[in-house]
Amino acid sequence: MNFIQTIRASHLNRHGFIDVAVGLVVFQAIYITLVILFCNLENVSTDKAPTSLGRFIFLALFIAPYFENLLLIGFATIHEKLFKRAGLFVVAPLLLTALHFITPKQLPFPIFIRALTLFVYFYIFLKQYDLHKTEMGKHKALLLSSSLHFLANGTSTFIASLLDPDIAAETIFSAQPGE
């Protein structure tokens, strides 16, 4: 067996986890690249002081994946108790997608594209959790689902830093004495 066949035959890929992770990273890289290249992100209004790069990375990569997936699973659990599994994979991702628009930041691309991609991501996270929870246990399945969320956020951050190198420079030079 070659390397790719060995990975695809591994126990972790039983429910397509590795395939989903690779697909998610590739899609997110293409999506963020298109957004950065074809949208005018210079005109995005910022009402408050920008979040530091370190804080943004900490929140987006370490806090958000776990707690957003925990909230998603909480919504799914409540929905499952009330309505069984009817509409479970539609309602829970829609609720979490809606929570991302409570304090919307005006972005120069259609909002339905952002809503659709968020819905698909949350659907994938919930489906992977659901596929793995009986085999691995709920907490390990949550961590596995959160790792997918981490990969999506990490890919966004990485692609944005590659295509917009001013992010790091602004953070570094803004802390210089005398400015």
N, C-alpha and C. Protein backbone atom coordinates (compact mmCIF):
# COMPACT_ATOMS: atom_id res chain seq x y z
N MET A 1 0.82 -1.18 0.00
CA MET A 1 0.00 0.00 0.00
C MET A 1 0.86 1.24 0.00
N ASN A 2 0.43 2.23 -0.76
CA ASN A 2 1.17 3.48 -0.72
C ASN A 2 0.71 4.31 0.48
N PHE A 3 1.31 5.45 0.65
CA PHE A 3 1.07 6.30 1.83
C PHE A 3 -0.39 6.74 1.94
N ILE A 4 -0.97 7.18 0.84
CA ILE A 4 -2.36 7.67 0.86
C ILE A 4 -3.33 6.54 1.17
N GLN A 5 -3.11 5.37 0.60
CA GLN A 5 -3.98 4.22 0.89
C GLN A 5 -3.86 3.80 2.35
N THR A 6 -2.68 3.90 2.92
CA THR A 6 -2.49 3.58 4.33
C THR A 6 -3.26 4.54 5.22
N ILE A 7 -3.20 5.81 4.91
CA ILE A 7 -3.94 6.81 5.69
C ILE A 7 -5.44 6.59 5.55
N ARG A 8 -5.91 6.36 4.34
CA ARG A 8 -7.35 6.18 4.12
C ARG A 8 -7.85 4.89 4.75
N ALA A 9 -6.99 3.90 4.95
CA ALA A 9 -7.41 2.64 5.56
C ALA A 9 -7.26 2.64 7.08
N SER A 10 -6.76 3.76 7.64
CA SER A 10 -6.55 3.80 9.08
C SER A 10 -7.87 3.83 9.84
N HIS A 11 -7.81 3.52 11.12
CA HIS A 11 -9.01 3.47 11.96
C HIS A 11 -9.66 4.84 12.09
N LEU A 12 -8.87 5.89 12.10
CA LEU A 12 -9.41 7.25 12.24
C LEU A 12 -10.28 7.63 11.04
N ASN A 13 -10.01 7.03 9.89
CA ASN A 13 -10.78 7.36 8.68
C ASN A 13 -12.01 6.46 8.52
N ARG A 14 -12.38 5.74 9.56
CA ARG A 14 -13.52 4.82 9.46
C ARG A 14 -14.77 5.53 8.97
N HIS A 15 -15.06 6.70 9.46
CA HIS A 15 -16.24 7.46 9.05
C HIS A 15 -15.86 8.62 8.14
N GLY A 16 -14.73 8.52 7.48
CA GLY A 16 -14.31 9.54 6.54
C GLY A 16 -13.72 10.79 7.17
N PHE A 17 -13.22 10.69 8.39
CA PHE A 17 -12.71 11.88 9.08
C PHE A 17 -11.55 12.52 8.32
N ILE A 18 -10.58 11.75 7.90
CA ILE A 18 -9.42 12.30 7.22
C ILE A 18 -9.83 12.87 5.86
N ASP A 19 -10.72 12.17 5.17
CA ASP A 19 -11.21 12.67 3.89
C ASP A 19 -11.93 14.01 4.08
N VAL A 20 -12.75 14.10 5.12
CA VAL A 20 -13.47 15.34 5.40
C VAL A 20 -12.49 16.44 5.79
N ALA A 21 -11.51 16.12 6.59
CA ALA A 21 -10.53 17.13 7.02
C ALA A 21 -9.76 17.69 5.82
N VAL A 22 -9.32 16.83 4.94
CA VAL A 22 -8.59 17.29 3.75
C VAL A 22 -9.51 18.12 2.86
N GLY A 23 -10.72 17.65 2.64
CA GLY A 23 -11.67 18.40 1.82
C GLY A 23 -12.00 19.75 2.41
N LEU A 24 -12.16 19.80 3.73
CA LEU A 24 -12.47 21.06 4.42
C LEU A 24 -11.32 22.06 4.29
N VAL A 25 -10.11 21.59 4.47
CA VAL A 25 -8.93 22.47 4.36
C VAL A 25 -8.79 23.00 2.93
N VAL A 26 -8.96 22.14 1.95
CA VAL A 26 -8.82 22.58 0.56
C VAL A 26 -9.93 23.58 0.20
N PHE A 27 -11.17 23.27 0.59
CA PHE A 27 -12.27 24.19 0.30
C PHE A 27 -12.07 25.52 1.00
N GLN A 28 -11.68 25.49 2.26
CA GLN A 28 -11.49 26.73 3.02
C GLN A 28 -10.36 27.57 2.42
N ALA A 29 -9.31 26.92 1.97
CA ALA A 29 -8.19 27.66 1.35
C ALA A 29 -8.66 28.34 0.07
N ILE A 30 -9.42 27.64 -0.74
CA ILE A 30 -9.93 28.23 -1.98
C ILE A 30 -10.92 29.36 -1.67
N TYR A 31 -11.81 29.13 -0.73
CA TYR A 31 -12.84 30.10 -0.36
C TYR A 31 -12.21 31.39 0.16
N ILE A 32 -11.29 31.29 1.10
CA ILE A 32 -10.66 32.48 1.68
C ILE A 32 -9.79 33.19 0.64
N THR A 33 -9.12 32.44 -0.21
CA THR A 33 -8.33 33.05 -1.28
C THR A 33 -9.22 33.87 -2.21
N LEU A 34 -10.36 33.31 -2.61
CA LEU A 34 -11.28 34.04 -3.47
C LEU A 34 -11.85 35.28 -2.79
N VAL A 35 -12.18 35.16 -1.51
CA VAL A 35 -12.71 36.32 -0.78
C VAL A 35 -11.66 37.43 -0.72
N ILE A 36 -10.44 37.08 -0.40
CA ILE A 36 -9.39 38.10 -0.27
C ILE A 36 -9.02 38.71 -1.62
N LEU A 37 -8.97 37.88 -2.66
CA LEU A 37 -8.56 38.40 -3.97
C LEU A 37 -9.64 39.20 -4.68
N PHE A 38 -10.91 38.80 -4.55
CA PHE A 38 -11.96 39.43 -5.33
C PHE A 38 -12.86 40.38 -4.56
N CYS A 39 -12.69 40.49 -3.27
CA CYS A 39 -13.50 41.41 -2.49
C CYS A 39 -12.60 42.55 -2.01
N ASN A 40 -13.17 43.70 -1.94
CA ASN A 40 -12.42 44.87 -1.49
C ASN A 40 -12.50 44.94 0.03
N LEU A 41 -11.58 44.31 0.71
CA LEU A 41 -11.60 44.25 2.16
C LEU A 41 -11.08 45.53 2.81
N GLU A 42 -10.59 46.47 1.99
CA GLU A 42 -10.11 47.73 2.54
C GLU A 42 -11.27 48.60 3.02
N ASN A 43 -12.45 48.39 2.47
CA ASN A 43 -13.60 49.22 2.81
C ASN A 43 -14.42 48.68 3.97
N VAL A 44 -13.92 47.67 4.66
CA VAL A 44 -14.64 47.10 5.80
C VAL A 44 -14.57 48.10 6.94
N SER A 45 -15.74 48.46 7.46
CA SER A 45 -15.74 49.47 8.53
C SER A 45 -15.35 48.83 9.86
N THR A 46 -14.53 49.56 10.60
CA THR A 46 -14.13 49.11 11.93
C THR A 46 -14.52 50.19 12.91
N ASP A 47 -15.54 49.92 13.72
CA ASP A 47 -16.03 50.90 14.67
C ASP A 47 -15.19 50.94 15.94
N LYS A 48 -14.64 49.81 16.32
CA LYS A 48 -13.85 49.76 17.55
C LYS A 48 -12.41 49.42 17.22
N ALA A 49 -11.59 49.45 18.23
CA ALA A 49 -10.16 49.17 18.03
C ALA A 49 -9.99 47.72 17.56
N PRO A 50 -9.09 47.50 16.61
CA PRO A 50 -8.90 46.15 16.10
C PRO A 50 -8.33 45.21 17.17
N THR A 51 -8.72 43.97 17.10
CA THR A 51 -8.22 42.96 18.01
C THR A 51 -6.78 42.64 17.62
N SER A 52 -5.92 42.47 18.60
CA SER A 52 -4.53 42.14 18.30
C SER A 52 -4.47 40.78 17.62
N LEU A 53 -3.44 40.58 16.83
CA LEU A 53 -3.29 39.35 16.07
C LEU A 53 -3.16 38.14 17.00
N GLY A 54 -2.40 38.29 18.07
CA GLY A 54 -2.23 37.19 19.02
C GLY A 54 -3.54 36.79 19.67
N ARG A 55 -4.32 37.77 20.07
CA ARG A 55 -5.62 37.48 20.69
C ARG A 55 -6.57 36.84 19.68
N PHE A 56 -6.57 37.36 18.45
CA PHE A 56 -7.43 36.79 17.42
C PHE A 56 -7.07 35.33 17.16
N ILE A 57 -5.79 35.04 17.04
CA ILE A 57 -5.37 33.66 16.79
C ILE A 57 -5.73 32.77 17.96
N PHE A 58 -5.52 33.25 19.18
CA PHE A 58 -5.88 32.45 20.36
C PHE A 58 -7.38 32.15 20.38
N LEU A 59 -8.20 33.17 20.15
CA LEU A 59 -9.66 32.96 20.17
C LEU A 59 -10.12 32.09 19.02
N ALA A 60 -9.63 32.36 17.81
CA ALA A 60 -10.10 31.64 16.63
C ALA A 60 -9.61 30.20 16.56
N LEU A 61 -8.43 29.94 17.10
CA LEU A 61 -7.88 28.59 16.97
C LEU A 61 -8.07 27.72 18.21
N PHE A 62 -8.17 28.31 19.36
CA PHE A 62 -8.22 27.47 20.56
C PHE A 62 -9.52 27.56 21.34
N ILE A 63 -10.13 28.73 21.40
CA ILE A 63 -11.36 28.88 22.18
C ILE A 63 -12.60 28.58 21.33
N ALA A 64 -12.70 29.22 20.18
CA ALA A 64 -13.90 29.09 19.35
C ALA A 64 -14.21 27.66 18.91
N PRO A 65 -13.25 26.88 18.42
CA PRO A 65 -13.62 25.54 17.96
C PRO A 65 -14.28 24.69 19.04
N TYR A 66 -13.73 24.69 20.23
CA TYR A 66 -14.29 23.82 21.27
C TYR A 66 -15.65 24.33 21.75
N PHE A 67 -15.73 25.61 22.09
CA PHE A 67 -16.96 26.12 22.67
C PHE A 67 -18.08 26.27 21.65
N GLU A 68 -17.77 26.61 20.41
CA GLU A 68 -18.82 26.66 19.40
C GLU A 68 -19.34 25.26 19.10
N ASN A 69 -18.46 24.27 19.03
CA ASN A 69 -18.93 22.90 18.81
C ASN A 69 -19.69 22.38 20.02
N LEU A 70 -19.29 22.77 21.22
CA LEU A 70 -20.03 22.40 22.42
C LEU A 70 -21.44 22.99 22.38
N LEU A 71 -21.55 24.24 21.97
CA LEU A 71 -22.85 24.88 21.83
C LEU A 71 -23.68 24.22 20.74
N LEU A 72 -23.06 23.88 19.63
CA LEU A 72 -23.73 23.18 18.54
C LEU A 72 -24.28 21.84 19.01
N ILE A 73 -23.48 21.11 19.75
CA ILE A 73 -23.91 19.81 20.25
C ILE A 73 -24.99 19.98 21.31
N GLY A 74 -24.91 21.04 22.10
CA GLY A 74 -25.98 21.33 23.06
C GLY A 74 -27.30 21.59 22.36
N PHE A 75 -27.28 22.41 21.30
CA PHE A 75 -28.49 22.65 20.51
C PHE A 75 -29.03 21.35 19.93
N ALA A 76 -28.13 20.53 19.41
CA ALA A 76 -28.54 19.27 18.80
C ALA A 76 -29.14 18.33 19.84
N THR A 77 -28.57 18.29 21.04
CA THR A 77 -29.08 17.43 22.10
C THR A 77 -30.48 17.87 22.54
N ILE A 78 -30.66 19.17 22.72
CA ILE A 78 -31.98 19.68 23.10
C ILE A 78 -32.99 19.38 22.00
N HIS A 79 -32.61 19.61 20.75
CA HIS A 79 -33.51 19.33 19.64
C HIS A 79 -33.85 17.84 19.57
N GLU A 80 -32.87 16.99 19.81
CA GLU A 80 -33.10 15.55 19.75
C GLU A 80 -34.04 15.10 20.86
N LYS A 81 -33.92 15.69 22.04
CA LYS A 81 -34.82 15.35 23.15
C LYS A 81 -36.25 15.79 22.85
N LEU A 82 -36.42 16.96 22.26
CA LEU A 82 -37.75 17.50 22.00
C LEU A 82 -38.42 16.91 20.77
N PHE A 83 -37.67 16.75 19.69
CA PHE A 83 -38.26 16.37 18.40
C PHE A 83 -37.68 15.09 17.81
N LYS A 84 -36.99 14.31 18.59
CA LYS A 84 -36.26 13.12 18.11
C LYS A 84 -35.19 13.59 17.12
N ARG A 85 -34.99 12.88 16.04
CA ARG A 85 -33.93 13.27 15.11
C ARG A 85 -34.46 13.99 13.88
N ALA A 86 -35.75 14.28 13.86
CA ALA A 86 -36.35 14.95 12.69
C ALA A 86 -35.79 16.37 12.57
N GLY A 87 -35.10 16.63 11.48
CA GLY A 87 -34.56 17.95 11.23
C GLY A 87 -33.35 18.33 12.07
N LEU A 88 -32.78 17.36 12.77
CA LEU A 88 -31.65 17.64 13.66
C LEU A 88 -30.48 18.29 12.94
N PHE A 89 -30.16 17.78 11.75
CA PHE A 89 -28.99 18.27 11.03
C PHE A 89 -29.28 19.53 10.21
N VAL A 90 -30.49 20.06 10.36
CA VAL A 90 -30.81 21.34 9.74
C VAL A 90 -30.94 22.42 10.81
N VAL A 91 -31.66 22.10 11.87
CA VAL A 91 -31.97 23.10 12.90
C VAL A 91 -30.72 23.52 13.69
N ALA A 92 -29.96 22.57 14.19
CA ALA A 92 -28.80 22.91 15.03
C ALA A 92 -27.75 23.72 14.24
N PRO A 93 -27.37 23.32 13.02
CA PRO A 93 -26.43 24.17 12.28
C PRO A 93 -27.00 25.55 11.93
N LEU A 94 -28.31 25.62 11.67
CA LEU A 94 -28.92 26.92 11.39
C LEU A 94 -28.87 27.84 12.60
N LEU A 95 -29.11 27.28 13.79
CA LEU A 95 -29.05 28.10 15.00
C LEU A 95 -27.65 28.68 15.22
N LEU A 96 -26.64 27.84 15.04
CA LEU A 96 -25.28 28.34 15.24
C LEU A 96 -24.87 29.30 14.13
N THR A 97 -25.34 29.07 12.91
CA THR A 97 -25.08 30.01 11.83
C THR A 97 -25.71 31.36 12.15
N ALA A 98 -26.92 31.34 12.69
CA ALA A 98 -27.61 32.59 13.06
C ALA A 98 -26.86 33.33 14.16
N LEU A 99 -26.25 32.61 15.08
CA LEU A 99 -25.49 33.26 16.15
C LEU A 99 -24.28 34.03 15.62
N HIS A 100 -23.77 33.65 14.48
CA HIS A 100 -22.63 34.37 13.89
C HIS A 100 -23.04 35.70 13.28
N PHE A 101 -24.35 35.95 13.19
CA PHE A 101 -24.81 37.20 12.59
C PHE A 101 -25.46 38.12 13.61
N ILE A 102 -25.28 37.85 14.90
CA ILE A 102 -25.83 38.74 15.92
C ILE A 102 -25.12 40.09 15.87
N THR A 103 -23.82 40.07 15.75
CA THR A 103 -23.06 41.30 15.61
C THR A 103 -22.33 41.24 14.27
N PRO A 104 -23.05 41.45 13.18
CA PRO A 104 -22.42 41.28 11.86
C PRO A 104 -21.42 42.38 11.56
N LYS A 105 -20.38 41.98 10.93
CA LYS A 105 -19.39 42.93 10.42
C LYS A 105 -19.65 43.00 8.92
N GLN A 106 -19.84 44.19 8.42
CA GLN A 106 -20.17 44.33 7.00
C GLN A 106 -18.98 43.87 6.15
N LEU A 107 -19.21 42.83 5.40
CA LEU A 107 -18.17 42.33 4.51
C LEU A 107 -18.62 42.56 3.08
N PRO A 108 -17.68 42.85 2.18
CA PRO A 108 -18.05 43.20 0.81
C PRO A 108 -18.32 42.00 -0.09
N PHE A 109 -19.01 40.99 0.40
CA PHE A 109 -19.46 39.89 -0.44
C PHE A 109 -20.83 39.46 0.07
N PRO A 110 -21.60 38.79 -0.75
CA PRO A 110 -22.99 38.48 -0.38
C PRO A 110 -23.09 37.68 0.92
N ILE A 111 -24.02 38.09 1.75
CA ILE A 111 -24.18 37.48 3.06
C ILE A 111 -24.68 36.03 2.95
N PHE A 112 -25.43 35.72 1.88
CA PHE A 112 -25.91 34.35 1.73
C PHE A 112 -24.77 33.37 1.50
N ILE A 113 -23.68 33.82 0.89
CA ILE A 113 -22.53 32.94 0.70
C ILE A 113 -21.90 32.62 2.05
N ARG A 114 -21.76 33.64 2.89
CA ARG A 114 -21.20 33.41 4.24
C ARG A 114 -22.12 32.50 5.04
N ALA A 115 -23.44 32.74 4.97
CA ALA A 115 -24.40 31.92 5.71
C ALA A 115 -24.37 30.48 5.22
N LEU A 116 -24.30 30.29 3.91
CA LEU A 116 -24.27 28.93 3.36
C LEU A 116 -23.02 28.18 3.78
N THR A 117 -21.87 28.84 3.70
CA THR A 117 -20.63 28.16 4.09
C THR A 117 -20.62 27.85 5.59
N LEU A 118 -21.10 28.79 6.41
CA LEU A 118 -21.17 28.51 7.85
C LEU A 118 -22.10 27.34 8.13
N PHE A 119 -23.25 27.30 7.47
CA PHE A 119 -24.18 26.19 7.66
C PHE A 119 -23.53 24.86 7.29
N VAL A 120 -22.86 24.83 6.15
CA VAL A 120 -22.21 23.59 5.71
C VAL A 120 -21.12 23.17 6.69
N TYR A 121 -20.33 24.13 7.18
CA TYR A 121 -19.29 23.78 8.16
C TYR A 121 -19.91 23.20 9.43
N PHE A 122 -20.93 23.86 9.97
CA PHE A 122 -21.54 23.37 11.20
C PHE A 122 -22.24 22.03 10.98
N TYR A 123 -22.79 21.83 9.79
CA TYR A 123 -23.38 20.53 9.45
C TYR A 123 -22.30 19.45 9.49
N ILE A 124 -21.16 19.74 8.89
CA ILE A 124 -20.05 18.77 8.86
C ILE A 124 -19.56 18.48 10.28
N PHE A 125 -19.40 19.53 11.10
CA PHE A 125 -18.93 19.32 12.47
C PHE A 125 -19.91 18.45 13.24
N LEU A 126 -21.21 18.71 13.11
CA LEU A 126 -22.23 17.95 13.83
C LEU A 126 -22.30 16.52 13.31
N LYS A 127 -22.21 16.34 12.02
CA LYS A 127 -22.28 14.99 11.43
C LYS A 127 -21.08 14.15 11.88
N GLN A 128 -19.90 14.75 11.90
CA GLN A 128 -18.73 14.00 12.36
C GLN A 128 -18.86 13.64 13.84
N TYR A 129 -19.38 14.56 14.64
CA TYR A 129 -19.62 14.25 16.05
C TYR A 129 -20.60 13.09 16.17
N ASP A 130 -21.68 13.15 15.42
CA ASP A 130 -22.72 12.12 15.50
C ASP A 130 -22.19 10.76 15.05
N LEU A 131 -21.35 10.74 14.03
CA LEU A 131 -20.80 9.48 13.54
C LEU A 131 -19.83 8.84 14.54
N HIS A 132 -19.13 9.65 15.30
CA HIS A 132 -18.08 9.13 16.19
C HIS A 132 -18.50 8.98 17.65
N LYS A 133 -19.63 9.55 18.08
CA LYS A 133 -19.94 9.58 19.51
C LYS A 133 -20.21 8.19 20.11
N THR A 134 -20.81 7.28 19.36
CA THR A 134 -21.06 5.96 19.94
C THR A 134 -19.79 5.12 19.98
N GLU A 135 -18.93 5.30 19.01
CA GLU A 135 -17.71 4.51 18.94
C GLU A 135 -16.63 5.02 19.90
N MET A 136 -16.47 6.33 19.98
CA MET A 136 -15.38 6.92 20.74
C MET A 136 -15.80 7.51 22.08
N GLY A 137 -17.05 7.76 22.25
CA GLY A 137 -17.51 8.48 23.43
C GLY A 137 -17.77 9.94 23.05
N LYS A 138 -18.61 10.58 23.86
CA LYS A 138 -19.03 11.94 23.51
C LYS A 138 -17.90 12.96 23.58
N HIS A 139 -17.07 12.89 24.60
CA HIS A 139 -16.02 13.90 24.74
C HIS A 139 -14.96 13.77 23.64
N LYS A 140 -14.55 12.55 23.33
CA LYS A 140 -13.56 12.37 22.26
C LYS A 140 -14.14 12.76 20.91
N ALA A 141 -15.43 12.48 20.70
CA ALA A 141 -16.07 12.90 19.45
C ALA A 141 -16.15 14.42 19.37
N LEU A 142 -16.39 15.08 20.50
CA LEU A 142 -16.39 16.54 20.53
C LEU A 142 -15.01 17.08 20.18
N LEU A 143 -13.97 16.48 20.73
CA LEU A 143 -12.61 16.92 20.42
C LEU A 143 -12.27 16.69 18.95
N LEU A 144 -12.76 15.58 18.40
CA LEU A 144 -12.52 15.28 16.99
C LEU A 144 -13.24 16.30 16.10
N SER A 145 -14.47 16.61 16.44
CA SER A 145 -15.23 17.62 15.71
C SER A 145 -14.59 18.99 15.86
N SER A 146 -14.11 19.29 17.05
CA SER A 146 -13.44 20.58 17.29
C SER A 146 -12.13 20.67 16.50
N SER A 147 -11.49 19.55 16.28
CA SER A 147 -10.25 19.59 15.49
C SER A 147 -10.56 19.96 14.04
N LEU A 148 -11.71 19.55 13.51
CA LEU A 148 -12.11 19.99 12.18
C LEU A 148 -12.33 21.50 12.16
N HIS A 149 -12.97 22.00 13.20
CA HIS A 149 -13.22 23.44 13.32
C HIS A 149 -11.89 24.19 13.41
N PHE A 150 -10.96 23.65 14.18
CA PHE A 150 -9.61 24.21 14.29
C PHE A 150 -8.94 24.27 12.93
N LEU A 151 -9.05 23.19 12.16
CA LEU A 151 -8.43 23.16 10.83
C LEU A 151 -9.03 24.22 9.91
N ALA A 152 -10.34 24.40 9.96
CA ALA A 152 -10.99 25.41 9.12
C ALA A 152 -10.53 26.81 9.51
N ASN A 153 -10.54 27.11 10.80
CA ASN A 153 -10.09 28.43 11.27
C ASN A 153 -8.60 28.64 11.02
N GLY A 154 -7.81 27.59 11.23
CA GLY A 154 -6.37 27.69 11.00
C GLY A 154 -6.04 27.91 9.53
N THR A 155 -6.77 27.26 8.65
CA THR A 155 -6.56 27.45 7.22
C THR A 155 -6.89 28.89 6.83
N SER A 156 -7.98 29.41 7.37
CA SER A 156 -8.36 30.81 7.08
C SER A 156 -7.27 31.77 7.53
N THR A 157 -6.78 31.57 8.74
CA THR A 157 -5.75 32.45 9.28
C THR A 157 -4.46 32.34 8.47
N PHE A 158 -4.09 31.14 8.10
CA PHE A 158 -2.86 30.92 7.34
C PHE A 158 -2.95 31.55 5.96
N ILE A 159 -4.05 31.33 5.25
CA ILE A 159 -4.21 31.89 3.91
C ILE A 159 -4.26 33.41 3.97
N ALA A 160 -4.98 33.95 4.96
CA ALA A 160 -5.06 35.40 5.11
C ALA A 160 -3.68 36.00 5.39
N SER A 161 -2.87 35.33 6.19
CA SER A 161 -1.54 35.86 6.47
C SER A 161 -0.62 35.74 5.26
N LEU A 162 -0.84 34.75 4.41
CA LEU A 162 -0.04 34.64 3.19
C LEU A 162 -0.40 35.71 2.18
N LEU A 163 -1.70 35.95 2.03
CA LEU A 163 -2.17 36.88 1.00
C LEU A 163 -2.18 38.33 1.46
N ASP A 164 -2.19 38.56 2.76
CA ASP A 164 -2.20 39.92 3.29
C ASP A 164 -1.08 40.05 4.31
N PRO A 165 0.17 40.22 3.86
CA PRO A 165 1.30 40.25 4.78
C PRO A 165 1.30 41.48 5.68
N ASP A 166 0.44 42.46 5.44
CA ASP A 166 0.41 43.66 6.28
C ASP A 166 -0.15 43.36 7.66
N ILE A 167 -0.82 42.25 7.83
CA ILE A 167 -1.40 41.92 9.13
C ILE A 167 -0.30 41.86 10.19
N ALA A 168 0.73 41.09 9.91
CA ALA A 168 1.80 40.94 10.90
C ALA A 168 2.60 42.23 11.05
N ALA A 169 2.82 42.93 9.94
CA ALA A 169 3.62 44.15 9.99
C ALA A 169 2.92 45.23 10.81
N GLU A 170 1.60 45.36 10.68
CA GLU A 170 0.87 46.35 11.45
C GLU A 170 0.98 46.05 12.94
N THR A 171 0.91 44.79 13.30
CA THR A 171 0.99 44.41 14.70
C THR A 171 2.38 44.68 15.25
N ILE A 172 3.39 44.39 14.48
CA ILE A 172 4.77 44.56 14.94
C ILE A 172 5.11 46.04 15.05
N PHE A 173 4.81 46.82 14.00
CA PHE A 173 5.24 48.22 13.97
C PHE A 173 4.37 49.13 14.81
N SER A 174 3.17 48.71 15.15
CA SER A 174 2.31 49.58 15.95
C SER A 174 2.79 49.65 17.41
N ALA A 175 3.62 48.73 17.82
CA ALA A 175 4.09 48.70 19.20
C ALA A 175 5.42 49.40 19.38
N GLN A 176 5.90 50.07 18.34
CA GLN A 176 7.19 50.75 18.42
C GLN A 176 7.09 51.98 19.33
N PRO A 177 8.10 52.22 20.16
CA PRO A 177 8.08 53.42 21.02
C PRO A 177 8.11 54.69 20.18
N GLY A 178 7.38 55.70 20.64
CA GLY A 178 7.36 56.98 19.97
C GLY A 178 6.29 57.12 18.93
N GLU A 179 5.49 56.10 18.72
CA GLU A 179 4.43 56.19 17.72
C GLU A 179 3.09 56.25 18.38
